[in-house]
Amino acid sequence: MGISFWQIGVVLVLVLLLFGRGRISHMMGDLAKGIKSFKKGMNENDTPSDDITKTIDASADEKSESVSKEKETASS
């Protein structure tokens, strides 16, 4: 009682008639670009974490230096 080969074939023929070969290939190209963009975004998401860590470390170093300077001036 499932979907037979002929039913799938009829649906594919109807889709081809409705959209045309050029439009279907254009839609598939857009789908591929979207997938590539998504994968690229996922890969780019991994690398900035190193930059964020460096920024946080640099910020902490700056804060500790300023606190040390304030302690020196307060003790003088």
Protein backbone atom coordinates (compact mmCIF):
# COMPACT_ATOMS: atom_id res chain seq x y z
CA MET A 1 0.00 0.00 0.00
CA GLY A 2 3.04 2.31 -0.06
CA ILE A 3 4.10 4.66 -2.80
CA SER A 4 4.92 2.78 -5.99
CA PHE A 5 7.51 3.54 -8.64
CA TRP A 6 4.81 4.75 -11.04
CA GLN A 7 3.40 7.23 -8.55
CA ILE A 8 6.85 8.72 -7.97
CA GLY A 9 7.38 8.89 -11.73
CA VAL A 10 4.09 10.71 -12.29
CA VAL A 11 4.93 13.23 -9.57
CA LEU A 12 8.37 13.85 -11.09
CA VAL A 13 6.88 14.35 -14.56
CA LEU A 14 4.31 16.81 -13.17
CA VAL A 15 7.02 18.76 -11.33
CA LEU A 16 9.11 18.87 -14.49
CA LEU A 17 6.15 20.13 -16.51
CA LEU A 18 5.20 22.75 -13.93
CA PHE A 19 8.62 24.21 -13.25
CA GLY A 20 10.63 23.34 -16.34
CA ARG A 21 14.13 21.93 -16.52
CA GLY A 22 15.89 25.30 -16.22
CA ARG A 23 14.05 26.40 -13.12
CA ILE A 24 14.59 23.08 -11.34
CA SER A 25 18.34 23.21 -12.03
CA HIS A 26 18.38 26.83 -10.79
CA MET A 27 16.61 25.79 -7.57
CA MET A 28 19.06 22.92 -7.04
CA GLY A 29 21.98 25.30 -7.57
CA ASP A 30 20.53 27.65 -4.96
CA LEU A 31 20.08 24.73 -2.57
CA ALA A 32 23.72 23.71 -3.05
CA LYS A 33 24.89 27.30 -2.42
CA GLY A 34 22.82 27.40 0.76
CA ILE A 35 24.34 24.16 2.02
CA LYS A 36 27.87 25.39 1.24
CA SER A 37 27.17 28.68 2.98
CA PHE A 38 25.82 26.85 6.03
CA LYS A 39 28.89 24.59 6.23
CA LYS A 40 31.19 27.60 5.82
CA GLY A 41 29.35 29.39 8.61
CA MET A 42 29.69 26.39 10.88
CA ASN A 43 33.44 26.19 10.20
CA GLU A 44 33.90 29.94 10.75
CA ASN A 45 32.12 29.61 14.08
CA ASP A 46 34.94 27.39 15.37
CA THR A 47 37.83 29.76 14.65
CA PRO A 48 36.59 32.95 16.35
CA SER A 49 36.53 31.19 19.70
CA ASP A 50 40.33 31.33 19.67
CA ASP A 51 40.16 35.06 18.94
CA ILE A 52 37.67 35.59 21.74
CA THR A 53 39.91 33.70 24.16
CA LYS A 54 42.88 35.85 23.18
CA THR A 55 40.79 39.00 23.59
CA ILE A 56 39.61 37.93 27.04
CA ASP A 57 43.17 37.06 28.09
CA ALA A 58 44.47 40.41 26.83
CA SER A 59 41.67 42.24 28.63
CA ALA A 60 42.43 40.39 31.86
CA ASP A 61 46.14 41.21 31.53
CA GLU A 62 45.34 44.89 31.02
CA LYS A 63 43.07 44.93 34.06
CA SER A 64 45.66 43.23 36.26
CA GLU A 65 48.32 45.71 35.11
CA SER A 66 46.08 48.67 35.89
CA VAL A 67 45.24 47.22 39.32
CA SER A 68 48.95 46.70 40.03
CA LYS A 69 49.68 50.31 39.07
CA GLU A 70 46.86 51.56 41.29
CA LYS A 71 48.21 49.54 44.23
CA GLU A 72 51.70 51.00 43.69
CA THR A 73 50.39 54.55 43.59
CA ALA A 74 48.19 53.94 46.64
CA SER A 75 51.06 52.51 48.68
CA SER A 76 53.35 55.44 47.79
